[in-house]
Amino acid sequence: MALCLTAGSLLAMQAQEIPLVSNIYGRANTTTLNGQWHYIVDVQERGYYDYRMNEDRYGFFRDAHQRSKLDLVEYNFDTSPQMAIPGDWNT
């Protein structure tokens, strides 16, 4: 019983409250991300890796555009669905 109380008190002493970020709009440099955002769900990470598991030069994060028919860009953020930020996936 004493061992449990000692372990519990040690855990309680280590637990600290994480301070919340406050007064965001009172800071000098802020950028709001609110608005309509285009999104592509990449469940299998095909937009990041190539077939050799290397970083793909046409990955989604590069927002590449197809300049010729030989470019292997298979996505387009301009025609992808949009969601309102802040918001949730369900709506």
PDB file of N, CA and C in Angstrom:
ATOM      1  N   MET A   1       0.822  -1.194   0.000  1.00  0.00           N
ATOM      2  CA  MET A   1       0.000   0.000   0.000  1.00  0.00           C
ATOM      3  C   MET A   1       0.865   1.256   0.000  1.00  0.00           C
ATOM      4  N   ALA A   2       1.932   1.226   0.789  1.00  0.00           N
ATOM      5  CA  ALA A   2       2.819   2.383   0.855  1.00  0.00           C
ATOM      6  C   ALA A   2       3.521   2.611  -0.477  1.00  0.00           C
ATOM      7  N   LEU A   3       3.822   1.513  -1.179  1.00  0.00           N
ATOM      8  CA  LEU A   3       4.466   1.621  -2.493  1.00  0.00           C
ATOM      9  C   LEU A   3       3.548   2.311  -3.496  1.00  0.00           C
ATOM     10  N   CYS A   4       2.271   1.970  -3.454  1.00  0.00           N
ATOM     11  CA  CYS A   4       1.301   2.606  -4.357  1.00  0.00           C
ATOM     12  C   CYS A   4       1.162   4.094  -4.063  1.00  0.00           C
ATOM     13  N   LEU A   5       1.130   4.447  -2.782  1.00  0.00           N
ATOM     14  CA  LEU A   5       1.022   5.865  -2.417  1.00  0.00           C
ATOM     15  C   LEU A   5       2.265   6.640  -2.835  1.00  0.00           C
ATOM     16  N   THR A   6       3.423   6.032  -2.672  1.00  0.00           N
ATOM     17  CA  THR A   6       4.674   6.693  -3.075  1.00  0.00           C
ATOM     18  C   THR A   6       4.714   6.893  -4.579  1.00  0.00           C
ATOM     19  N   ALA A   7       4.345   5.848  -5.337  1.00  0.00           N
ATOM     20  CA  ALA A   7       4.339   5.955  -6.801  1.00  0.00           C
ATOM     21  C   ALA A   7       3.326   6.992  -7.259  1.00  0.00           C
ATOM     22  N   GLY A   8       2.167   7.019  -6.627  1.00  0.00           N
ATOM     23  CA  GLY A   8       1.144   7.997  -6.985  1.00  0.00           C
ATOM     24  C   GLY A   8       1.577   9.414  -6.713  1.00  0.00           C
ATOM     25  N   SER A   9       2.260   9.632  -5.573  1.00  0.00           N
ATOM     26  CA  SER A   9       2.717  10.986  -5.258  1.00  0.00           C
ATOM     27  C   SER A   9       3.836  11.428  -6.191  1.00  0.00           C
ATOM     28  N   LEU A  10       4.706  10.485  -6.601  1.00  0.00           N
ATOM     29  CA  LEU A  10       5.760  10.841  -7.560  1.00  0.00           C
ATOM     30  C   LEU A  10       5.169  11.232  -8.907  1.00  0.00           C
ATOM     31  N   LEU A  11       4.164  10.488  -9.362  1.00  0.00           N
ATOM     32  CA  LEU A  11       3.516  10.823 -10.631  1.00  0.00           C
ATOM     33  C   LEU A  11       2.802  12.166 -10.550  1.00  0.00           C
ATOM     34  N   ALA A  12       2.200  12.447  -9.410  1.00  0.00           N
ATOM     35  CA  ALA A  12       1.498  13.724  -9.244  1.00  0.00           C
ATOM     36  C   ALA A  12       2.471  14.889  -9.256  1.00  0.00           C
ATOM     37  N   MET A  13       3.667  14.687  -8.723  1.00  0.00           N
ATOM     38  CA  MET A  13       4.658  15.767  -8.722  1.00  0.00           C
ATOM     39  C   MET A  13       5.202  16.017 -10.125  1.00  0.00           C
ATOM     40  N   GLN A  14       5.280  14.959 -10.957  1.00  0.00           N
ATOM     41  CA  GLN A  14       5.788  15.130 -12.311  1.00  0.00           C
ATOM     42  C   GLN A  14       4.757  15.752 -13.238  1.00  0.00           C
ATOM     43  N   ALA A  15       3.487  15.535 -12.971  1.00  0.00           N
ATOM     44  CA  ALA A  15       2.439  16.068 -13.835  1.00  0.00           C
ATOM     45  C   ALA A  15       2.418  17.585 -13.719  1.00  0.00           C
ATOM     46  N   GLN A  16       2.541  18.255 -14.833  1.00  0.00           N
ATOM     47  CA  GLN A  16       2.520  19.709 -14.844  1.00  0.00           C
ATOM     48  C   GLN A  16       1.464  20.174 -15.834  1.00  0.00           C
ATOM     49  N   GLU A  17       0.876  21.285 -15.540  1.00  0.00           N
ATOM     50  CA  GLU A  17      -0.118  21.837 -16.435  1.00  0.00           C
ATOM     51  C   GLU A  17       0.585  22.535 -17.595  1.00  0.00           C
ATOM     52  N   ILE A  18       0.150  22.234 -18.800  1.00  0.00           N
ATOM     53  CA  ILE A  18       0.724  22.865 -19.984  1.00  0.00           C
ATOM     54  C   ILE A  18       0.035  24.211 -20.175  1.00  0.00           C
ATOM     55  N   PRO A  19       0.790  25.292 -20.252  1.00  0.00           N
ATOM     56  CA  PRO A  19       0.154  26.600 -20.409  1.00  0.00           C
ATOM     57  C   PRO A  19      -0.525  26.720 -21.787  1.00  0.00           C
ATOM     58  N   LEU A  20      -1.701  27.303 -21.784  1.00  0.00           N
ATOM     59  CA  LEU A  20      -2.442  27.509 -23.027  1.00  0.00           C
ATOM     60  C   LEU A  20      -1.917  28.737 -23.758  1.00  0.00           C
ATOM     61  N   VAL A  21      -1.986  28.697 -25.053  1.00  0.00           N
ATOM     62  CA  VAL A  21      -1.607  29.860 -25.850  1.00  0.00           C
ATOM     63  C   VAL A  21      -2.753  30.870 -25.728  1.00  0.00           C
ATOM     64  N   SER A  22      -2.440  32.053 -25.299  1.00  0.00           N
ATOM     65  CA  SER A  22      -3.490  33.046 -25.092  1.00  0.00           C
ATOM     66  C   SER A  22      -3.110  34.360 -25.763  1.00  0.00           C
ATOM     67  N   ASN A  23      -4.102  35.193 -25.944  1.00  0.00           N
ATOM     68  CA  ASN A  23      -3.953  36.513 -26.542  1.00  0.00           C
ATOM     69  C   ASN A  23      -3.249  36.434 -27.901  1.00  0.00           C
ATOM     70  N   ILE A  24      -3.738  35.557 -28.744  1.00  0.00           N
ATOM     71  CA  ILE A  24      -3.121  35.357 -30.061  1.00  0.00           C
ATOM     72  C   ILE A  24      -3.217  36.630 -30.899  1.00  0.00           C
ATOM     73  N   TYR A  25      -4.363  37.287 -30.867  1.00  0.00           N
ATOM     74  CA  TYR A  25      -4.543  38.477 -31.707  1.00  0.00           C
ATOM     75  C   TYR A  25      -3.806  39.696 -31.170  1.00  0.00           C
ATOM     76  N   GLY A  26      -3.277  39.610 -29.946  1.00  0.00           N
ATOM     77  CA  GLY A  26      -2.502  40.701 -29.395  1.00  0.00           C
ATOM     78  C   GLY A  26      -1.037  40.643 -29.786  1.00  0.00           C
ATOM     79  N   ARG A  27      -0.632  39.615 -30.490  1.00  0.00           N
ATOM     80  CA  ARG A  27       0.769  39.489 -30.910  1.00  0.00           C
ATOM     81  C   ARG A  27       1.026  40.347 -32.135  1.00  0.00           C
ATOM     82  N   ALA A  28       2.277  40.643 -32.381  1.00  0.00           N
ATOM     83  CA  ALA A  28       2.640  41.546 -33.479  1.00  0.00           C
ATOM     84  C   ALA A  28       2.404  40.910 -34.850  1.00  0.00           C
ATOM     85  N   ASN A  29       2.904  39.715 -35.071  1.00  0.00           N
ATOM     86  CA  ASN A  29       2.802  39.081 -36.390  1.00  0.00           C
ATOM     87  C   ASN A  29       1.915  37.846 -36.304  1.00  0.00           C
ATOM     88  N   THR A  30       0.730  37.924 -36.897  1.00  0.00           N
ATOM     89  CA  THR A  30      -0.169  36.772 -36.934  1.00  0.00           C
ATOM     90  C   THR A  30      -0.647  36.569 -38.359  1.00  0.00           C
ATOM     91  N   THR A  31      -0.939  35.340 -38.678  1.00  0.00           N
ATOM     92  CA  THR A  31      -1.509  34.987 -39.974  1.00  0.00           C
ATOM     93  C   THR A  31      -2.695  34.078 -39.722  1.00  0.00           C
ATOM     94  N   THR A  32      -3.836  34.448 -40.186  1.00  0.00           N
ATOM     95  CA  THR A  32      -5.014  33.612 -40.008  1.00  0.00           C
ATOM     96  C   THR A  32      -5.090  32.599 -41.157  1.00  0.00           C
ATOM     97  N   LEU A  33      -5.470  31.391 -40.838  1.00  0.00           N
ATOM     98  CA  LEU A  33      -5.628  30.341 -41.840  1.00  0.00           C
ATOM     99  C   LEU A  33      -7.096  30.096 -42.159  1.00  0.00           C
ATOM    100  N   ASN A  34      -7.974  30.954 -41.681  1.00  0.00           N
ATOM    101  CA  ASN A  34      -9.402  30.807 -41.925  1.00  0.00           C
ATOM    102  C   ASN A  34      -9.711  31.003 -43.397  1.00  0.00           C
ATOM    103  N   GLY A  35     -10.682  30.254 -43.888  1.00  0.00           N
ATOM    104  CA  GLY A  35     -11.112  30.410 -45.270  1.00  0.00           C
ATOM    105  C   GLY A  35     -11.414  29.071 -45.907  1.00  0.00           C
ATOM    106  N   GLN A  36     -11.534  29.073 -47.214  1.00  0.00           N
ATOM    107  CA  GLN A  36     -11.801  27.860 -47.980  1.00  0.00           C
ATOM    108  C   GLN A  36     -10.474  27.251 -48.431  1.00  0.00           C
ATOM    109  N   TRP A  37     -10.243  25.974 -48.086  1.00  0.00           N
ATOM    110  CA  TRP A  37      -9.012  25.275 -48.430  1.00  0.00           C
ATOM    111  C   TRP A  37      -9.325  24.080 -49.328  1.00  0.00           C
ATOM    112  N   HIS A  38      -8.531  23.911 -50.372  1.00  0.00           N
ATOM    113  CA  HIS A  38      -8.614  22.715 -51.199  1.00  0.00           C
ATOM    114  C   HIS A  38      -7.887  21.590 -50.491  1.00  0.00           C
ATOM    115  N   TYR A  39      -8.402  20.373 -50.597  1.00  0.00           N
ATOM    116  CA  TYR A  39      -7.750  19.247 -49.934  1.00  0.00           C
ATOM    117  C   TYR A  39      -7.779  18.005 -50.814  1.00  0.00           C
ATOM    118  N   ILE A  40      -6.806  17.153 -50.600  1.00  0.00           N
ATOM    119  CA  ILE A  40      -6.733  15.852 -51.243  1.00  0.00           C
ATOM    120  C   ILE A  40      -6.399  14.856 -50.145  1.00  0.00           C
ATOM    121  N   VAL A  41      -7.216  13.821 -49.981  1.00  0.00           N
ATOM    122  CA  VAL A  41      -6.961  12.800 -48.979  1.00  0.00           C
ATOM    123  C   VAL A  41      -5.986  11.800 -49.593  1.00  0.00           C
ATOM    124  N   ASP A  42      -4.856  11.649 -48.944  1.00  0.00           N
ATOM    125  CA  ASP A  42      -3.789  10.772 -49.442  1.00  0.00           C
ATOM    126  C   ASP A  42      -3.579   9.639 -48.447  1.00  0.00           C
ATOM    127  N   VAL A  43      -4.468   8.664 -48.460  1.00  0.00           N
ATOM    128  CA  VAL A  43      -4.465   7.597 -47.465  1.00  0.00           C
ATOM    129  C   VAL A  43      -3.205   6.746 -47.560  1.00  0.00           C
ATOM    130  N   GLN A  44      -2.749   6.453 -48.754  1.00  0.00           N
ATOM    131  CA  GLN A  44      -1.602   5.563 -48.933  1.00  0.00           C
ATOM    132  C   GLN A  44      -0.293   6.310 -49.151  1.00  0.00           C
ATOM    133  N   GLU A  45      -0.266   7.593 -48.894  1.00  0.00           N
ATOM    134  CA  GLU A  45       0.917   8.438 -49.033  1.00  0.00           C
ATOM    135  C   GLU A  45       1.528   8.360 -50.436  1.00  0.00           C
ATOM    136  N   ARG A  46       0.704   8.252 -51.434  1.00  0.00           N
ATOM    137  CA  ARG A  46       1.212   8.222 -52.801  1.00  0.00           C
ATOM    138  C   ARG A  46       1.597   9.612 -53.278  1.00  0.00           C
ATOM    139  N   GLY A  47       1.141  10.612 -52.609  1.00  0.00           N
ATOM    140  CA  GLY A  47       1.502  11.974 -52.971  1.00  0.00           C
ATOM    141  C   GLY A  47       2.777  12.451 -52.317  1.00  0.00           C
ATOM    142  N   TYR A  48       3.437  11.589 -51.563  1.00  0.00           N
ATOM    143  CA  TYR A  48       4.682  11.983 -50.918  1.00  0.00           C
ATOM    144  C   TYR A  48       5.854  11.133 -51.397  1.00  0.00           C
ATOM    145  N   TYR A  49       5.655   9.823 -51.493  1.00  0.00           N
ATOM    146  CA  TYR A  49       6.736   8.919 -51.884  1.00  0.00           C
ATOM    147  C   TYR A  49       6.559   8.434 -53.318  1.00  0.00           C
ATOM    148  N   ASP A  50       7.687   8.129 -53.980  1.00  0.00           N
ATOM    149  CA  ASP A  50       7.601   7.460 -55.268  1.00  0.00           C
ATOM    150  C   ASP A  50       7.649   5.951 -55.030  1.00  0.00           C
ATOM    151  N   TYR A  51       7.735   5.173 -56.081  1.00  0.00           N
ATOM    152  CA  TYR A  51       7.687   3.723 -55.938  1.00  0.00           C
ATOM    153  C   TYR A  51       8.912   3.155 -55.227  1.00  0.00           C
ATOM    154  N   ARG A  52       9.958   3.932 -55.050  1.00  0.00           N
ATOM    155  CA  ARG A  52      11.149   3.489 -54.319  1.00  0.00           C
ATOM    156  C   ARG A  52      11.192   4.038 -52.899  1.00  0.00           C
ATOM    157  N   MET A  53      10.077   4.609 -52.448  1.00  0.00           N
ATOM    158  CA  MET A  53       9.949   5.204 -51.119  1.00  0.00           C
ATOM    159  C   MET A  53      10.897   6.389 -50.929  1.00  0.00           C
ATOM    160  N   ASN A  54      11.206   7.079 -52.001  1.00  0.00           N
ATOM    161  CA  ASN A  54      11.951   8.332 -51.949  1.00  0.00           C
ATOM    162  C   ASN A  54      10.955   9.474 -52.082  1.00  0.00           C
ATOM    163  N   GLU A  55      11.356  10.651 -51.655  1.00  0.00           N
ATOM    164  CA  GLU A  55      10.482  11.815 -51.778  1.00  0.00           C
ATOM    165  C   GLU A  55      10.197  12.068 -53.254  1.00  0.00           C
ATOM    166  N   ASP A  56       8.922  12.117 -53.598  1.00  0.00           N
ATOM    167  CA  ASP A  56       8.500  12.267 -54.989  1.00  0.00           C
ATOM    168  C   ASP A  56       8.671  13.717 -55.445  1.00  0.00           C
ATOM    169  N   ARG A  57       9.236  13.905 -56.621  1.00  0.00           N
ATOM    170  CA  ARG A  57       9.428  15.281 -57.108  1.00  0.00           C
ATOM    171  C   ARG A  57       8.116  15.933 -57.511  1.00  0.00           C
ATOM    172  N   TYR A  58       7.064  15.138 -57.703  1.00  0.00           N
ATOM    173  CA  TYR A  58       5.746  15.687 -58.009  1.00  0.00           C
ATOM    174  C   TYR A  58       4.783  15.525 -56.829  1.00  0.00           C
ATOM    175  N   GLY A  59       5.294  15.400 -55.612  1.00  0.00           N
ATOM    176  CA  GLY A  59       4.453  15.177 -54.438  1.00  0.00           C
ATOM    177  C   GLY A  59       3.420  16.274 -54.231  1.00  0.00           C
ATOM    178  N   PHE A  60       2.348  15.928 -53.533  1.00  0.00           N
ATOM    179  CA  PHE A  60       1.261  16.882 -53.290  1.00  0.00           C
ATOM    180  C   PHE A  60       1.770  18.168 -52.663  1.00  0.00           C
ATOM    181  N   PHE A  61       2.735  18.052 -51.769  1.00  0.00           N
ATOM    182  CA  PHE A  61       3.230  19.216 -51.033  1.00  0.00           C
ATOM    183  C   PHE A  61       3.907  20.228 -51.945  1.00  0.00           C
ATOM    184  N   ARG A  62       4.266  19.851 -53.154  1.00  0.00           N
ATOM    185  CA  ARG A  62       4.908  20.777 -54.095  1.00  0.00           C
ATOM    186  C   ARG A  62       3.891  21.566 -54.918  1.00  0.00           C
ATOM    187  N   ASP A  63       2.629  21.140 -54.904  1.00  0.00           N
ATOM    188  CA  ASP A  63       1.563  21.776 -55.695  1.00  0.00           C
ATOM    189  C   ASP A  63       1.998  21.936 -57.155  1.00  0.00           C
ATOM    190  N   ALA A  64       2.510  20.842 -57.727  1.00  0.00           N
ATOM    191  CA  ALA A  64       3.004  20.857 -59.104  1.00  0.00           C
ATOM    192  C   ALA A  64       1.835  20.939 -60.084  1.00  0.00           C
ATOM    193  N   HIS A  65       2.092  21.514 -61.223  1.00  0.00           N
ATOM    194  CA  HIS A  65       1.105  21.597 -62.299  1.00  0.00           C
ATOM    195  C   HIS A  65       1.671  20.911 -63.530  1.00  0.00           C
ATOM    196  N   GLN A  66       0.810  20.238 -64.247  1.00  0.00           N
ATOM    197  CA  GLN A  66       1.239  19.520 -65.441  1.00  0.00           C
ATOM    198  C   GLN A  66       1.499  20.515 -66.559  1.00  0.00           C
ATOM    199  N   ARG A  67       2.748  20.574 -67.010  1.00  0.00           N
ATOM    200  CA  ARG A  67       3.126  21.511 -68.069  1.00  0.00           C
ATOM    201  C   ARG A  67       3.099  20.853 -69.439  1.00  0.00           C
ATOM    202  N   SER A  68       3.347  19.546 -69.476  1.00  0.00           N
ATOM    203  CA  SER A  68       3.261  18.801 -70.736  1.00  0.00           C
ATOM    204  C   SER A  68       2.611  17.456 -70.446  1.00  0.00           C
ATOM    205  N   LYS A  69       2.274  16.729 -71.482  1.00  0.00           N
ATOM    206  CA  LYS A  69       1.627  15.438 -71.289  1.00  0.00           C
ATOM    207  C   LYS A  69       2.579  14.396 -70.721  1.00  0.00           C
ATOM    208  N   LEU A  70       3.866  14.685 -70.717  1.00  0.00           N
ATOM    209  CA  LEU A  70       4.847  13.746 -70.185  1.00  0.00           C
ATOM    210  C   LEU A  70       5.033  13.888 -68.672  1.00  0.00           C
ATOM    211  N   ASP A  71       4.573  14.995 -68.088  1.00  0.00           N
ATOM    212  CA  ASP A  71       4.668  15.172 -66.644  1.00  0.00           C
ATOM    213  C   ASP A  71       3.678  14.242 -65.948  1.00  0.00           C
ATOM    214  N   LEU A  72       4.140  13.545 -64.923  1.00  0.00           N
ATOM    215  CA  LEU A  72       3.313  12.560 -64.231  1.00  0.00           C
ATOM    216  C   LEU A  72       2.616  13.158 -63.016  1.00  0.00           C
ATOM    217  N   VAL A  73       1.921  14.237 -63.213  1.00  0.00           N
ATOM    218  CA  VAL A  73       1.173  14.888 -62.139  1.00  0.00           C
ATOM    219  C   VAL A  73      -0.262  14.400 -62.230  1.00  0.00           C
ATOM    220  N   GLU A  74      -0.706  13.682 -61.200  1.00  0.00           N
ATOM    221  CA  GLU A  74      -2.033  13.072 -61.242  1.00  0.00           C
ATOM    222  C   GLU A  74      -3.000  13.704 -60.251  1.00  0.00           C
ATOM    223  N   TYR A  75      -2.751  14.909 -59.827  1.00  0.00           N
ATOM    224  CA  TYR A  75      -3.637  15.600 -58.906  1.00  0.00           C
ATOM    225  C   TYR A  75      -3.733  17.049 -59.333  1.00  0.00           C
ATOM    226  N   ASN A  76      -4.743  17.729 -58.823  1.00  0.00           N
ATOM    227  CA  ASN A  76      -4.925  19.133 -59.138  1.00  0.00           C
ATOM    228  C   ASN A  76      -5.683  19.779 -57.983  1.00  0.00           C
ATOM    229  N   PHE A  77      -5.003  20.596 -57.215  1.00  0.00           N
ATOM    230  CA  PHE A  77      -5.663  21.266 -56.093  1.00  0.00           C
ATOM    231  C   PHE A  77      -6.715  22.259 -56.569  1.00  0.00           C
ATOM    232  N   ASP A  78      -6.566  22.776 -57.776  1.00  0.00           N
ATOM    233  CA  ASP A  78      -7.531  23.758 -58.273  1.00  0.00           C
ATOM    234  C   ASP A  78      -8.913  23.150 -58.472  1.00  0.00           C
ATOM    235  N   THR A  79      -8.990  21.852 -58.782  1.00  0.00           N
ATOM    236  CA  THR A  79     -10.277  21.190 -59.007  1.00  0.00           C
ATOM    237  C   THR A  79     -10.663  20.253 -57.863  1.00  0.00           C
ATOM    238  N   SER A  80      -9.864  20.204 -56.796  1.00  0.00           N
ATOM    239  CA  SER A  80     -10.172  19.322 -55.669  1.00  0.00           C
ATOM    240  C   SER A  80     -11.264  19.940 -54.803  1.00  0.00           C
ATOM    241  N   PRO A  81     -11.914  19.132 -53.946  1.00  0.00           N
ATOM    242  CA  PRO A  81     -12.966  19.676 -53.079  1.00  0.00           C
ATOM    243  C   PRO A  81     -12.413  20.708 -52.101  1.00  0.00           C
ATOM    244  N   GLN A  82     -13.310  21.507 -51.573  1.00  0.00           N
ATOM    245  CA  GLN A  82     -12.928  22.530 -50.612  1.00  0.00           C
ATOM    246  C   GLN A  82     -13.617  22.279 -49.286  1.00  0.00           C
ATOM    247  N   MET A  83     -12.973  22.739 -48.224  1.00  0.00           N
ATOM    248  CA  MET A  83     -13.603  22.710 -46.902  1.00  0.00           C
ATOM    249  C   MET A  83     -13.324  24.034 -46.198  1.00  0.00           C
ATOM    250  N   ALA A  84     -14.239  24.397 -45.323  1.00  0.00           N
ATOM    251  CA  ALA A  84     -14.100  25.644 -44.579  1.00  0.00           C
ATOM    252  C   ALA A  84     -13.192  25.416 -43.377  1.00  0.00           C
ATOM    253  N   ILE A  85     -12.194  26.272 -43.221  1.00  0.00           N
ATOM    254  CA  ILE A  85     -11.287  26.225 -42.076  1.00  0.00           C
ATOM    255  C   ILE A  85     -11.546  27.464 -41.236  1.00  0.00           C
ATOM    256  N   PRO A  86     -11.775  27.429 -39.949  1.00  0.00           N
ATOM    257  CA  PRO A  86     -11.859  26.211 -39.154  1.00  0.00           C
ATOM    258  C   PRO A  86     -13.155  25.476 -39.441  1.00  0.00           C
ATOM    259  N   GLY A  87     -13.085  24.167 -39.377  1.00  0.00           N
ATOM    260  CA  GLY A  87     -14.229  23.321 -39.649  1.00  0.00           C
ATOM    261  C   GLY A  87     -13.874  21.879 -39.391  1.00  0.00           C
ATOM    262  N   ASP A  88     -14.746  20.976 -39.822  1.00  0.00           N
ATOM    263  CA  ASP A  88     -14.475  19.566 -39.616  1.00  0.00           C
ATOM    264  C   ASP A  88     -14.749  18.793 -40.904  1.00  0.00           C
ATOM    265  N   TRP A  89     -14.238  17.584 -40.955  1.00  0.00           N
ATOM    266  CA  TRP A  89     -14.366  16.761 -42.170  1.00  0.00           C
ATOM    267  C   TRP A  89     -15.791  16.321 -42.422  1.00  0.00           C
ATOM    268  N   ASN A  90     -16.616  16.250 -41.398  1.00  0.00           N
ATOM    269  CA  ASN A  90     -17.947  15.699 -41.544  1.00  0.00           C
ATOM    270  C   ASN A  90     -18.908  16.640 -42.264  1.00  0.00           C
ATOM    271  N   THR A  91     -18.644  17.926 -42.239  1.00  0.00           N
ATOM    272  CA  THR A  91     -19.560  18.842 -42.905  1.00  0.00           C
ATOM    273  C   THR A  91     -19.000  19.212 -44.250  1.00  0.00           C
TER     274      THR A  91
END
